[in-house]
Amino acid sequence: MYGTERADIKPGMKVMVVRKQDQRTGALTEGVVQSLLTKSPHHPHGIKVRLENGVVGRVKEIIKD
């Protein structure tokens, strides 16, 4: 599932994000959502989140357990 809709993402979910410095390479970082930073209900590049380990990035994929 893609991370472009804010309603699909909740704190505690496991996601793959792309950090700002990794946008050129597309390298993904896995983590658990701590908080949502994007206020709009939709963002074409992914909802921006802060992970529990402090990493900030845009959600590219939601990992289903």
Protein backbone atom coordinates (compact mmCIF):
# COMPACT_ATOMS: atom_id res chain seq x y z
CA MET A 1 0.00 0.00 0.00
CA TYR A 2 1.27 3.47 -0.84
CA GLY A 3 1.62 6.26 1.71
CA THR A 4 -0.05 9.16 -0.11
CA GLU A 5 -3.25 9.28 2.00
CA ARG A 6 -2.99 10.62 5.57
CA ALA A 7 -6.01 8.55 6.71
CA ASP A 8 -4.12 5.30 5.88
CA ILE A 9 -1.24 6.06 8.27
CA LYS A 10 -1.43 5.84 12.07
CA PRO A 11 1.20 6.01 14.82
CA GLY A 12 2.56 2.54 15.61
CA MET A 13 2.39 1.31 12.00
CA LYS A 14 5.48 -0.19 10.34
CA VAL A 15 6.40 1.73 7.16
CA MET A 16 9.15 2.29 4.62
CA VAL A 17 10.17 5.94 4.20
CA VAL A 18 12.54 7.82 1.93
CA ARG A 19 14.63 10.43 3.73
CA LYS A 20 15.35 13.82 2.13
CA GLN A 21 19.01 12.93 1.51
CA ASP A 22 17.99 9.59 -0.05
CA GLN A 23 15.50 10.99 -2.58
CA ARG A 24 17.99 10.79 -5.47
CA THR A 25 18.86 7.15 -4.83
CA GLY A 26 15.42 6.09 -3.60
CA ALA A 27 16.94 4.22 -0.64
CA LEU A 28 14.21 3.25 1.81
CA THR A 29 14.39 3.17 5.61
CA GLU A 30 12.12 0.90 7.64
CA GLY A 31 10.64 2.03 10.93
CA VAL A 32 7.59 2.54 13.15
CA VAL A 33 5.60 5.78 12.88
CA GLN A 34 5.84 8.02 15.93
CA SER A 35 3.98 11.06 14.54
CA LEU A 36 2.54 12.44 11.30
CA LEU A 37 4.05 15.73 10.11
CA THR A 38 1.98 16.37 6.95
CA LYS A 39 -1.28 18.16 7.79
CA SER A 40 -3.04 17.83 4.42
CA PRO A 41 -5.18 14.70 3.78
CA HIS A 42 -3.22 13.79 0.61
CA HIS A 43 0.32 14.34 -0.66
CA PRO A 44 1.49 13.01 -4.06
CA HIS A 45 5.05 12.25 -2.83
CA GLY A 46 3.97 10.58 0.42
CA ILE A 47 2.90 11.69 3.87
CA LYS A 48 5.83 13.02 5.93
CA VAL A 49 6.30 11.21 9.25
CA ARG A 50 8.74 10.99 12.15
CA LEU A 51 9.76 7.44 13.04
CA GLU A 52 10.37 6.21 16.59
CA ASN A 53 14.13 6.26 15.93
CA GLY A 54 13.96 9.99 15.00
CA VAL A 55 14.21 9.59 11.21
CA VAL A 56 11.97 11.97 9.22
CA GLY A 57 10.85 10.97 5.74
CA ARG A 58 7.97 10.49 3.33
CA VAL A 59 6.06 7.20 3.46
CA LYS A 60 6.55 5.14 0.29
CA GLU A 61 5.12 1.86 1.53
CA ILE A 62 3.00 0.62 4.43
CA ILE A 63 4.11 -2.78 5.69
CA LYS A 64 1.26 -5.13 6.52
CA ASP A 65 1.90 -7.54 9.40
